[in-house]
Protein backbone atom coordinates (compact mmCIF):
# COMPACT_ATOMS: atom_id res chain seq x y z
CA MET A 1 -0.21 0.13 0.17
CA LYS A 2 1.04 3.33 -0.86
CA TYR A 3 1.66 6.32 1.42
CA GLU A 4 -1.57 8.45 -0.26
CA GLU A 5 -3.84 4.95 -0.42
CA PHE A 6 -2.38 4.17 3.77
CA ILE A 7 -3.81 7.99 4.65
CA GLU A 8 -6.63 7.93 2.31
CA GLU A 9 -7.86 4.45 4.57
CA VAL A 10 -7.46 5.99 7.86
CA GLN A 11 -9.56 8.98 6.87
CA LYS A 12 -12.35 6.90 5.70
CA ARG A 13 -11.69 4.42 8.34
CA ALA A 14 -11.95 7.46 11.29
CA HIS A 15 -14.69 9.20 9.48
CA LEU A 16 -12.00 11.87 9.74
CA ALA A 17 -12.95 15.51 7.53
CA SER A 18 -9.57 15.73 5.99
CA LYS A 19 -6.14 14.18 4.84
CA ASP A 20 -4.86 16.45 7.25
CA GLU A 21 -6.59 14.68 9.80
CA ALA A 22 -5.87 11.54 9.16
CA LYS A 23 -2.07 12.49 8.65
CA ARG A 24 -2.12 14.05 12.40
CA ALA A 25 -3.80 10.96 13.67
CA THR A 26 -1.81 8.40 12.23
CA LYS A 27 1.39 9.91 13.13
CA ALA A 28 -0.08 10.13 16.96
CA ALA A 29 -1.66 6.31 16.43
CA LEU A 30 2.69 5.45 15.94
CA GLU A 31 3.94 7.54 18.69
CA THR A 32 1.31 6.03 20.93
CA LEU A 33 2.19 2.58 19.69
CA ALA A 34 6.00 3.10 19.96
CA GLU A 35 5.98 3.70 23.83
CA CYS A 36 4.04 0.64 24.03
CA ILE A 37 6.21 -2.03 22.18
CA SER A 38 10.25 -3.05 21.99
CA LYS A 39 12.54 -1.77 19.92
CA ASP A 40 13.01 -4.79 17.63
CA VAL A 41 9.72 -4.47 17.21
CA ARG A 42 9.48 -0.78 16.36
CA PHE A 43 11.69 -2.11 13.91
CA ASP A 44 9.74 -4.40 12.36
CA ALA A 45 6.64 -2.45 12.20
CA ALA A 46 8.72 0.41 10.89
CA ALA A 47 9.36 -1.76 7.84
CA GLN A 48 6.01 -2.87 6.88
CA LEU A 49 4.78 0.87 6.70
CA PRO A 50 4.15 3.06 3.20
CA ARG A 51 7.46 4.62 2.46
CA GLY A 52 5.54 7.85 3.24
CA LEU A 53 6.03 7.01 6.49
CA ALA A 54 8.97 7.04 6.26
CA LEU A 55 9.96 10.07 8.51
CA TYR A 56 8.29 8.76 11.61
CA LYS A 57 11.01 5.47 11.23
CA SER A 58 13.94 8.23 11.64
CA GLN A 59 12.74 10.04 14.92
CA LYS A 60 14.49 9.28 17.73
CA ARG A 61 11.37 9.38 19.72
CA LEU A 62 9.64 6.91 17.71
CA PHE A 63 12.38 4.43 17.17
CA ARG A 64 15.14 4.63 19.82
């Protein structure tokens, strides 16, 4: 799945009004998830994300 498709799916499933809201929701969900799982699992999960979400992979806060 590509980044835009992912964001559109988030927008649709969460019944959000805009793609910007879907992007913010995605970021918040990834940040929350990252706090709850181990480093190894974070890297494995990040590898499964669409390329457009790569910026989240590089953030120390998410994937330390």
